[in-house]
Amino acid sequence: MLSQSQRAAILEMHAKKQSSRTIARLLKVSRWSVREVLRLNTTEVPALERAEICEPYRQQIIELLPRCKSNLVRVQEELEAIGATLSYSALTAFCRRHGIGQEPIVASGRYPHLPGIELQHDTSPHKVELAGKFYKAQTASAVLCYSRMLFFQIYPTFTRFDCKVFLTEALRYIGASPKRVEIDNTHVVVLRGTGRAMVPVPEMAAFAERYGFQFAAHELGDANRSAHVERQFDYIENNFLAGRSFSSWPEMNQQAREWCDRVNATYKRHLRAAPRDLFAMEQQHLQPLPVWVPEVYRLHERMVDVEGYVNLNTNRYSVPVAWIGRRVEVRETCGKIEIQLDARHMVTHERVADAEYRHIMLAEHSRPRGVRRPDPHPEEALILKAVPEIADYIAELKKNSRKMTVLALRQLLRMVREYPREPLLAAIAEAARYGLYDLDRVERMILRLVARDYFLLNNDPETEQ
């Protein structure tokens, strides 16, 4: 089939008195094709008029398609069952030409991005090699839409805390803040709604307000709206992660930062500049960061266990043995764990990012060999000072109580301080005889004795008169 330009060339050469043989030789077409064009005397390509083999079954195809859940293989099988001899390629071509079961093709639009307006943020799972083991990690990425400045970090998980840590690091890397951060309807930021109706979590809204930007989400299914950040994940996986192994999470993220420096300084053909060069112009349109950028943290309350550790995210961090049984406040930041007993006593550990069930002990908390461990339960000494008669019961309680030892001793100390001595000793003696170490039941026994001995009620109406 000759194209429109070939037909125009044939007619033009014929008008210059060239023979059909010469025209066919110069254009490398057959003389019959040249004669046919001269006969039609038009540059329009004639429409192909022939009967389609699937046309008689059009209605059956339309009816079978929803029943077969748009599976054309099943449609072909059903048509063969009623006597139709159609190949799969002919059926698919017919449906494609006539738009049967096909979504209409819509041209993608363009999203103009002015300097300093938008930063796109998203996450993607990747496999990383860390200390000889493979982990499934979350890659968090941020891209300025105008200059295409890229920043990313890799975390073992990506919670709301990690999101605030990452965005803080990204804004520090950029040195300024945009007016809008576009997200992918992630539950880490979204409280309810999607797209324009998205409402962020109050905690994240307050975080955004501190830096002067607002969170925005694209509409569901509009993946092109976050194309700048989505495109970078393939680049990170096939360039940064390819063939690299790391010794720790901090070392990996430090290499990621250095890799971003190189990439942002590299000339991009589609931008006709390096992102750093475009950022130099965009920077004047960005908002300055606050004078003081606080470190992101989250607070926990923990009880120091009998071994002198505080449990956080399956990892255990050591504290002085004098803190055993005390309640402490734990401040978790990106790189540190600060355990505070009061304003004057605080212990700082390096944070273990992953849940590794590790015991982390500082040198000053380790006990030298041969040194007897001090009694970790000051409550026991107070109980024995008040009622030394129950020493045997306390020894058995420490062995058989279902509660944590320090909690059981605290409950027993409270009972010693609150209840009269005689009912207390009587109830504990009876409990010891039957091997009862449930202090809740022992306390009920004390209350029954107290009610019988100290709150005598006279129910005789004549005596009341």
Protein backbone atom coordinates (compact mmCIF):
# COMPACT_ATOMS: atom_id res chain seq x y z
CA MET A 1 0.00 0.00 0.00
CA LEU A 2 1.55 3.27 -1.16
CA SER A 3 1.61 6.18 1.24
CA GLN A 4 0.21 9.61 0.54
CA SER A 5 3.68 11.09 -0.05
CA GLN A 6 4.54 8.35 -2.57
CA ARG A 7 1.31 8.98 -4.45
CA ALA A 8 2.03 12.72 -4.57
CA ALA A 9 5.54 12.01 -5.94
CA ILE A 10 4.11 9.76 -8.69
CA LEU A 11 1.63 12.42 -9.81
CA GLU A 12 4.29 15.14 -9.75
CA MET A 13 6.75 13.09 -11.80
CA HIS A 14 3.99 12.15 -14.26
CA ALA A 15 3.22 15.85 -14.69
CA LYS A 16 6.89 16.33 -15.67
CA LYS A 17 6.45 13.83 -18.54
CA GLN A 18 8.24 10.92 -16.85
CA SER A 19 7.30 7.44 -18.02
CA SER A 20 5.71 4.84 -15.74
CA ARG A 21 8.81 2.65 -16.01
CA THR A 22 11.09 5.53 -14.92
CA ILE A 23 8.80 6.49 -12.03
CA ALA A 24 8.65 2.86 -10.81
CA ARG A 25 12.45 2.52 -11.01
CA LEU A 26 13.15 5.78 -9.13
CA LEU A 27 10.58 5.17 -6.36
CA LYS A 28 11.28 1.41 -6.25
CA VAL A 29 7.62 0.42 -6.65
CA SER A 30 5.86 -1.73 -9.22
CA ARG A 31 4.66 -0.32 -12.54
CA TRP A 32 1.21 -1.68 -11.77
CA SER A 33 1.09 0.48 -8.60
CA VAL A 34 2.18 3.53 -10.65
CA ARG A 35 -0.55 2.91 -13.23
CA GLU A 36 -3.15 2.49 -10.46
CA VAL A 37 -2.20 5.85 -8.90
CA LEU A 38 -2.33 7.55 -12.30
CA ARG A 39 -5.73 6.00 -12.94
CA LEU A 40 -7.16 7.28 -9.62
CA ASN A 41 -5.36 10.65 -10.06
CA THR A 42 -5.46 11.46 -6.31
CA THR A 43 -3.04 11.44 -3.39
CA GLU A 44 -5.63 10.02 -0.96
CA VAL A 45 -4.97 6.47 0.18
CA PRO A 46 -8.07 4.41 -0.71
CA ALA A 47 -9.97 2.93 2.17
CA LEU A 48 -9.65 -0.80 2.66
CA GLU A 49 -13.06 -2.26 2.02
CA ARG A 50 -13.40 -5.91 2.87
CA ALA A 51 -15.65 -7.96 5.09
CA GLU A 52 -14.33 -8.72 8.55
CA ILE A 53 -14.47 -12.36 9.62
CA CYS A 54 -15.71 -11.43 13.12
CA GLU A 55 -18.43 -9.00 12.00
CA PRO A 56 -21.24 -11.63 11.91
CA TYR A 57 -20.51 -12.43 15.57
CA ARG A 58 -20.34 -8.85 16.83
CA GLN A 59 -23.48 -9.14 18.99
CA GLN A 60 -22.41 -12.45 20.51
CA ILE A 61 -18.98 -11.01 21.34
CA ILE A 62 -20.56 -7.99 23.07
CA GLU A 63 -22.86 -10.27 25.11
CA LEU A 64 -20.16 -12.80 26.01
CA LEU A 65 -17.55 -10.25 27.09
CA PRO A 66 -19.13 -9.28 30.47
CA ARG A 67 -20.11 -12.90 31.17
CA CYS A 68 -16.51 -14.02 30.59
CA LYS A 69 -15.14 -11.15 32.72
CA SER A 70 -13.45 -9.52 29.70
CA ASN A 71 -11.36 -12.65 29.07
CA LEU A 72 -11.13 -12.96 25.28
CA VAL A 73 -9.74 -16.50 25.53
CA ARG A 74 -13.02 -17.59 27.13
CA VAL A 75 -14.98 -15.57 24.57
CA GLN A 76 -13.19 -17.45 21.76
CA GLU A 77 -13.96 -20.79 23.42
CA GLU A 78 -17.66 -19.92 23.74
CA LEU A 79 -17.79 -18.80 20.08
CA GLU A 80 -16.19 -22.06 18.98
CA ALA A 81 -18.84 -23.92 20.97
CA ILE A 82 -21.55 -22.34 18.79
CA GLY A 83 -19.68 -23.19 15.56
CA ALA A 84 -17.57 -20.06 14.90
CA THR A 85 -14.05 -20.62 13.57
CA LEU A 86 -12.17 -17.55 14.72
CA SER A 87 -8.51 -17.29 15.64
CA TYR A 88 -7.56 -15.52 18.86
CA SER A 89 -5.53 -12.90 16.98
CA ALA A 90 -8.45 -12.09 14.68
CA LEU A 91 -10.79 -11.74 17.68
CA THR A 92 -8.46 -9.45 19.62
CA ALA A 93 -7.74 -7.32 16.53
CA PHE A 94 -11.47 -6.95 15.84
CA CYS A 95 -12.19 -5.90 19.42
CA ARG A 96 -9.28 -3.47 19.39
CA ARG A 97 -10.32 -1.82 16.10
CA HIS A 98 -13.93 -1.38 17.19
CA GLY A 99 -13.27 -0.52 20.82
CA ILE A 100 -15.12 -3.53 22.19
CA GLY A 101 -14.08 -4.08 25.81
CA GLN A 102 -11.32 -1.50 25.42
CA GLU A 103 -10.91 1.58 27.55
CA PRO A 104 -10.74 4.74 25.46
CA ILE A 105 -7.23 6.10 25.09
CA VAL A 106 -6.83 9.45 26.77
CA ALA A 107 -3.82 11.62 26.15
CA SER A 108 -1.86 12.38 29.29
CA GLY A 109 -1.72 15.99 30.32
CA ARG A 110 1.16 18.12 31.46
CA TYR A 111 1.59 19.49 34.97
CA PRO A 112 3.46 22.78 34.91
CA HIS A 113 5.49 23.33 38.09
CA LEU A 114 6.60 26.80 39.02
CA PRO A 115 9.78 27.19 41.08
CA GLY A 116 9.42 26.87 44.83
CA ILE A 117 5.84 25.55 44.79
CA GLU A 118 5.88 21.76 45.09
CA LEU A 119 7.92 18.89 46.47
CA GLN A 120 6.74 15.32 45.74
CA HIS A 121 7.22 12.63 48.40
CA ASP A 122 6.56 8.89 48.25
CA THR A 123 7.93 5.54 49.45
CA SER A 124 8.68 2.25 47.74
CA PRO A 125 9.81 -1.18 49.05
CA HIS A 126 13.26 -2.41 48.03
CA LYS A 127 15.58 -5.25 49.03
CA VAL A 128 18.90 -4.16 50.52
CA GLU A 129 21.96 -6.14 51.58
CA LEU A 130 23.01 -5.23 55.09
CA ALA A 131 25.90 -6.98 56.87
CA GLY A 132 25.56 -10.02 54.61
CA LYS A 133 21.77 -10.32 55.04
CA PHE A 134 18.95 -9.18 52.80
CA TYR A 135 16.24 -6.97 54.29
CA LYS A 136 13.01 -5.64 52.86
CA ALA A 137 13.33 -1.90 53.44
CA GLN A 138 11.31 1.21 52.63
CA THR A 139 12.91 3.83 50.39
CA ALA A 140 11.58 7.32 51.09
CA SER A 141 12.21 9.85 48.33
CA ALA A 142 11.58 13.57 47.85
CA VAL A 143 11.95 15.55 44.61
CA LEU A 144 11.57 19.29 43.96
CA CYS A 145 9.35 19.45 40.91
CA TYR A 146 11.01 22.41 39.20
CA SER A 147 14.72 21.76 39.65
CA ARG A 148 14.36 17.95 40.13
CA MET A 149 16.61 18.02 43.20
CA LEU A 150 16.52 14.49 44.65
CA PHE A 151 16.92 13.31 48.22
CA PHE A 152 16.21 9.83 49.56
CA GLN A 153 16.84 7.66 52.63
CA ILE A 154 16.19 4.00 53.41
CA TYR A 155 14.49 2.77 56.60
CA PRO A 156 13.58 -0.69 57.94
CA THR A 157 10.01 0.55 58.48
CA PHE A 158 8.18 3.75 57.60
CA THR A 159 5.91 4.96 60.37
CA ARG A 160 4.67 8.47 61.13
CA PHE A 161 7.80 9.01 63.21
CA ASP A 162 10.02 7.94 60.28
CA CYS A 163 8.05 10.21 57.94
CA LYS A 164 8.73 13.25 60.12
CA VAL A 165 12.39 12.27 60.44
CA PHE A 166 12.73 11.91 56.66
CA LEU A 167 10.97 15.17 55.77
CA THR A 168 13.07 17.04 58.33
CA GLU A 169 16.25 15.60 56.78
CA ALA A 170 14.99 16.40 53.26
CA LEU A 171 14.24 20.03 54.14
CA ARG A 172 17.61 20.36 55.83
CA TYR A 173 19.29 18.92 52.73
CA ILE A 174 17.46 21.41 50.51
CA GLY A 175 17.97 24.22 52.99
CA ALA A 176 14.47 25.61 52.47
CA SER A 177 10.80 24.63 52.36
CA PRO A 178 8.29 24.56 49.47
CA LYS A 179 4.68 25.69 49.71
CA ARG A 180 3.21 22.22 49.09
CA VAL A 181 4.26 18.59 49.65
CA GLU A 182 2.44 16.20 47.31
CA ILE A 183 1.85 12.69 48.71
CA ASP A 184 0.29 9.46 47.46
CA ASN A 185 -2.67 9.25 49.91
CA THR A 186 -0.46 7.43 52.43
CA HIS A 187 -2.06 6.47 55.75
CA VAL A 188 1.00 7.87 57.52
CA VAL A 189 -0.21 11.40 56.71
CA VAL A 190 -3.89 10.99 55.80
CA LEU A 191 -6.58 11.03 58.48
CA ARG A 192 -9.49 10.67 56.06
CA GLY A 193 -10.44 11.41 52.47
CA THR A 194 -8.43 11.24 49.26
CA GLY A 195 -7.28 13.74 46.66
CA ARG A 196 -8.55 17.24 47.23
CA ALA A 197 -10.78 16.01 50.09
CA MET A 198 -7.78 14.65 52.00
CA VAL A 199 -7.54 15.73 55.64
CA PRO A 200 -4.12 15.19 57.26
CA VAL A 201 -3.57 13.80 60.74
CA PRO A 202 -3.43 16.71 63.23
CA GLU A 203 0.09 15.68 64.26
CA MET A 204 1.30 15.88 60.64
CA ALA A 205 -0.63 19.10 59.99
CA ALA A 206 1.15 20.69 62.96
CA PHE A 207 4.48 19.40 61.62
CA ALA A 208 3.77 20.98 58.21
CA GLU A 209 2.73 24.26 59.81
CA ARG A 210 6.07 24.48 61.60
CA TYR A 211 7.88 24.54 58.23
CA GLY A 212 5.29 26.61 56.37
CA PHE A 213 4.01 24.05 53.84
CA GLN A 214 0.78 22.09 53.36
CA PHE A 215 0.22 18.43 52.55
CA ALA A 216 -1.74 17.68 49.36
CA ALA A 217 -2.72 14.32 47.82
CA HIS A 218 -3.35 13.47 44.18
CA GLU A 219 -6.60 11.86 43.06
CA LEU A 220 -6.87 8.08 43.15
CA GLY A 221 -5.61 6.55 39.92
CA ASP A 222 -3.81 9.72 38.84
CA ALA A 223 -0.31 8.26 39.13
CA ASN A 224 1.08 10.76 36.62
CA ARG A 225 0.55 13.48 39.21
CA SER A 226 3.50 12.10 41.21
CA ALA A 227 5.61 11.05 38.22
CA HIS A 228 8.73 13.01 39.23
CA VAL A 229 9.20 11.06 42.45
CA GLU A 230 7.93 7.73 41.06
CA ARG A 231 10.47 7.81 38.22
CA GLN A 232 13.37 8.04 40.67
CA PHE A 233 12.63 4.72 42.40
CA ASP A 234 13.67 2.73 39.33
CA TYR A 235 16.86 4.83 39.12
CA ILE A 236 17.63 4.18 42.80
CA GLU A 237 17.02 0.42 42.50
CA ASN A 238 19.05 -0.08 39.33
CA ASN A 239 21.86 2.35 40.11
CA PHE A 240 22.38 3.03 43.81
CA LEU A 241 21.32 -0.40 45.15
CA ALA A 242 22.77 -2.41 42.26
CA GLY A 243 25.85 -4.29 43.44
CA ARG A 244 26.15 -2.39 46.73
CA SER A 245 26.17 -3.85 50.24
CA PHE A 246 26.25 -1.94 53.50
CA SER A 247 27.40 -2.55 57.05
CA SER A 248 24.67 -0.60 58.88
CA TRP A 249 21.63 1.59 58.33
CA PRO A 250 23.48 4.88 59.14
CA GLU A 251 26.31 3.95 56.75
CA MET A 252 23.81 3.14 53.99
CA ASN A 253 21.97 6.44 54.41
CA GLN A 254 25.25 8.36 54.44
CA GLN A 255 26.14 6.75 51.09
CA ALA A 256 22.65 7.63 49.83
CA ARG A 257 23.23 11.28 50.73
CA GLU A 258 26.58 11.31 48.91
CA TRP A 259 24.98 9.60 45.89
CA CYS A 260 22.30 12.33 45.81
CA ASP A 261 25.05 14.96 45.77
CA ARG A 262 26.59 13.38 42.67
CA VAL A 263 23.26 12.86 40.88
CA ASN A 264 22.08 16.41 41.56
CA ALA A 265 25.32 17.79 40.15
CA THR A 266 25.08 15.69 36.93
CA TYR A 267 23.86 17.26 33.68
CA LYS A 268 20.39 16.02 32.63
CA ARG A 269 19.71 16.00 28.92
CA HIS A 270 15.93 16.36 29.28
CA LEU A 271 16.42 19.34 31.61
CA ARG A 272 19.34 20.79 29.59
CA ALA A 273 20.97 21.56 32.91
CA ALA A 274 22.02 19.96 36.18
CA PRO A 275 19.47 19.98 39.03
CA ARG A 276 21.93 21.97 41.17
CA ASP A 277 22.03 24.71 38.53
CA LEU A 278 18.24 24.91 38.35
CA PHE A 279 18.04 24.84 42.14
CA ALA A 280 20.22 27.93 42.35
CA MET A 281 17.41 29.81 40.62
CA GLU A 282 14.59 28.00 42.45
CA GLN A 283 16.10 28.60 45.88
CA GLN A 284 15.06 32.24 45.94
CA HIS A 285 11.40 31.20 45.58
CA LEU A 286 11.51 28.72 48.50
CA GLN A 287 10.61 29.57 52.08
CA PRO A 288 13.43 29.76 54.63
CA LEU A 289 13.54 27.16 57.39
CA PRO A 290 12.75 28.16 60.97
CA VAL A 291 15.62 29.64 62.96
CA TRP A 292 15.61 26.51 65.15
CA VAL A 293 14.76 23.13 63.63
CA PRO A 294 13.91 20.79 66.54
CA GLU A 295 14.97 17.16 66.44
CA VAL A 296 12.12 14.74 65.80
CA TYR A 297 11.47 12.43 68.75
CA ARG A 298 8.83 10.29 70.38
CA LEU A 299 8.36 9.64 74.08
CA HIS A 300 7.82 6.32 75.84
CA GLU A 301 7.33 5.35 79.47
CA ARG A 302 9.06 2.17 80.59
CA MET A 303 9.75 0.23 83.77
CA VAL A 304 13.36 -0.90 84.31
CA ASP A 305 13.33 -4.71 84.50
CA VAL A 306 15.11 -6.84 87.11
CA GLU A 307 18.16 -7.25 84.86
CA GLY A 308 18.70 -3.51 84.58
CA TYR A 309 17.40 -3.03 81.00
CA VAL A 310 14.72 -0.94 79.30
CA ASN A 311 12.83 -2.67 76.47
CA LEU A 312 12.11 -0.64 73.32
CA ASN A 313 11.16 -2.05 69.89
CA THR A 314 12.34 -5.57 70.97
CA ASN A 315 15.82 -4.20 71.81
CA ARG A 316 16.98 -3.80 75.43
CA TYR A 317 19.11 -0.88 76.58
CA SER A 318 21.07 -0.94 79.84
CA VAL A 319 20.70 1.51 82.75
CA PRO A 320 22.37 1.66 86.20
CA VAL A 321 21.29 -1.17 88.49
CA ALA A 322 20.06 1.37 91.03
CA TRP A 323 17.23 2.18 88.58
CA ILE A 324 15.78 -1.36 88.71
CA GLY A 325 12.05 -1.23 89.35
CA ARG A 326 11.90 2.52 88.68
CA ARG A 327 9.75 4.18 86.01
CA VAL A 328 11.78 6.08 83.40
CA GLU A 329 11.04 8.30 80.41
CA VAL A 330 12.55 7.19 77.08
CA ARG A 331 13.14 9.75 74.32
CA GLU A 332 13.66 8.09 70.93
CA THR A 333 15.25 10.15 68.14
CA CYS A 334 16.62 9.17 64.75
CA GLY A 335 20.04 8.21 66.08
CA LYS A 336 19.81 8.15 69.88
CA ILE A 337 17.89 6.63 72.77
CA GLU A 338 17.83 8.88 75.85
CA ILE A 339 16.63 7.20 79.06
CA GLN A 340 15.90 9.72 81.81
CA LEU A 341 15.14 8.95 85.44
CA ASP A 342 14.91 12.59 86.53
CA ALA A 343 16.42 15.94 85.62
CA ARG A 344 19.89 14.93 86.87
CA HIS A 345 20.11 11.31 85.76
CA MET A 346 20.07 10.36 82.06
CA VAL A 347 21.62 7.58 79.97
CA THR A 348 22.23 7.89 76.21
CA HIS A 349 22.49 4.95 73.78
CA GLU A 350 22.99 4.73 70.05
CA ARG A 351 19.63 3.76 68.54
CA VAL A 352 19.26 0.35 66.89
CA ALA A 353 17.02 1.05 63.90
CA ASP A 354 15.77 -2.49 63.28
CA ALA A 355 13.96 -4.91 65.60
CA GLU A 356 16.88 -7.24 66.30
CA TYR A 357 16.20 -8.46 69.87
CA ARG A 358 19.60 -7.17 70.96
CA HIS A 359 20.97 -6.35 74.43
CA ILE A 360 22.92 -3.10 74.37
CA MET A 361 24.99 -2.51 77.50
CA LEU A 362 27.23 0.46 78.19
CA ALA A 363 30.61 -0.21 79.80
CA GLU A 364 29.75 1.76 82.92
CA HIS A 365 26.69 -0.45 83.52
CA SER A 366 28.53 -3.77 83.46
CA ARG A 367 29.33 -5.40 86.82
CA PRO A 368 32.89 -6.67 87.46
CA ARG A 369 33.27 -10.38 88.14
CA GLY A 370 33.27 -11.37 91.78
CA VAL A 371 31.24 -8.34 92.85
CA ARG A 372 27.99 -9.41 94.47
CA ARG A 373 24.94 -7.96 92.86
CA PRO A 374 23.18 -5.51 95.19
CA ASP A 375 19.66 -6.24 96.24
CA PRO A 376 17.50 -4.83 93.44
CA HIS A 377 14.36 -4.61 95.59
CA PRO A 378 14.39 -1.83 98.20
CA GLU A 379 10.69 -2.60 98.84
CA GLU A 380 11.67 -5.97 100.34
CA ALA A 381 13.88 -4.30 102.94
CA LEU A 382 11.04 -1.94 103.92
CA ILE A 383 8.58 -4.85 104.30
CA LEU A 384 10.97 -6.89 106.46
CA LYS A 385 11.67 -3.86 108.64
CA ALA A 386 7.93 -3.40 109.27
CA VAL A 387 6.87 -7.07 109.58
CA PRO A 388 9.88 -9.43 109.84
CA GLU A 389 7.52 -12.33 110.60
CA ILE A 390 6.66 -12.77 106.88
CA ALA A 391 10.25 -13.22 105.61
CA ASP A 392 9.59 -16.85 104.59
CA TYR A 393 6.44 -15.85 102.71
CA ILE A 394 8.36 -13.14 100.81
CA ALA A 395 11.01 -15.65 99.74
CA GLU A 396 8.33 -17.99 98.35
CA LEU A 397 6.45 -15.06 96.79
CA LYS A 398 9.52 -14.10 94.77
CA LYS A 399 9.70 -17.64 93.42
CA ASN A 400 6.02 -18.31 92.72
CA SER A 401 4.33 -14.97 91.99
CA ARG A 402 2.86 -14.62 88.51
CA LYS A 403 3.50 -10.90 88.58
CA MET A 404 6.85 -9.21 88.05
CA THR A 405 8.71 -9.49 91.36
CA VAL A 406 9.09 -5.76 91.82
CA LEU A 407 5.36 -5.20 91.24
CA ALA A 408 4.40 -7.95 93.69
CA LEU A 409 6.69 -6.50 96.36
CA ARG A 410 5.27 -3.03 95.79
CA GLN A 411 1.74 -4.35 96.24
CA LEU A 412 2.72 -6.18 99.41
CA LEU A 413 4.43 -3.03 100.78
CA ARG A 414 1.25 -1.05 100.13
CA MET A 415 -0.80 -3.66 102.00
CA VAL A 416 1.62 -3.53 104.96
CA ARG A 417 1.29 0.24 105.13
CA GLU A 418 -2.50 0.39 104.69
CA TYR A 419 -3.93 -2.51 106.74
CA PRO A 420 -3.77 -3.32 110.47
CA ARG A 421 -1.00 -5.66 111.54
CA GLU A 422 -3.09 -8.50 113.08
CA PRO A 423 -5.41 -9.12 110.07
CA LEU A 424 -2.45 -8.81 107.72
CA LEU A 425 -0.38 -11.43 109.57
CA ALA A 426 -3.38 -13.75 109.93
CA ALA A 427 -4.21 -13.60 106.21
CA ILE A 428 -0.59 -14.12 105.15
CA ALA A 429 -0.17 -17.05 107.57
CA GLU A 430 -3.24 -18.74 106.09
CA ALA A 431 -2.05 -18.00 102.54
CA ALA A 432 1.37 -19.47 103.30
CA ARG A 433 -0.22 -22.64 104.73
CA TYR A 434 -2.15 -23.25 101.48
CA GLY A 435 0.62 -22.02 99.13
CA LEU A 436 -1.40 -19.03 97.96
CA TYR A 437 0.74 -16.29 96.34
CA ASP A 438 -1.95 -14.35 94.51
CA LEU A 439 -1.78 -11.04 96.38
CA ASP A 440 -5.16 -9.90 95.06
CA ARG A 441 -6.82 -12.85 96.83
CA VAL A 442 -4.69 -12.29 99.93
CA GLU A 443 -5.87 -8.68 100.01
CA ARG A 444 -9.51 -9.80 99.86
CA MET A 445 -8.84 -12.13 102.80
CA ILE A 446 -7.44 -9.20 104.78
CA LEU A 447 -10.47 -7.09 103.97
CA ARG A 448 -12.82 -9.84 105.22
CA LEU A 449 -10.91 -10.03 108.50
CA VAL A 450 -10.92 -6.25 108.85
CA ALA A 451 -14.65 -6.07 108.19
CA ARG A 452 -15.35 -8.78 110.81
CA ASP A 453 -13.08 -7.45 113.55
CA TYR A 454 -13.24 -3.70 113.13
CA PHE A 455 -16.68 -2.95 111.65
CA LEU A 456 -19.13 -4.82 113.90
CA LEU A 457 -22.74 -4.19 112.90
CA ASN A 458 -25.69 -4.69 115.27
CA ASN A 459 -28.72 -5.78 113.27
CA ASP A 460 -31.05 -6.18 116.34
CA PRO A 461 -33.81 -3.52 115.90
CA GLU A 462 -34.61 -3.50 119.65
CA THR A 463 -31.00 -2.66 120.51
CA GLU A 464 -31.02 0.16 117.95
CA GLN A 465 -34.02 1.72 119.71
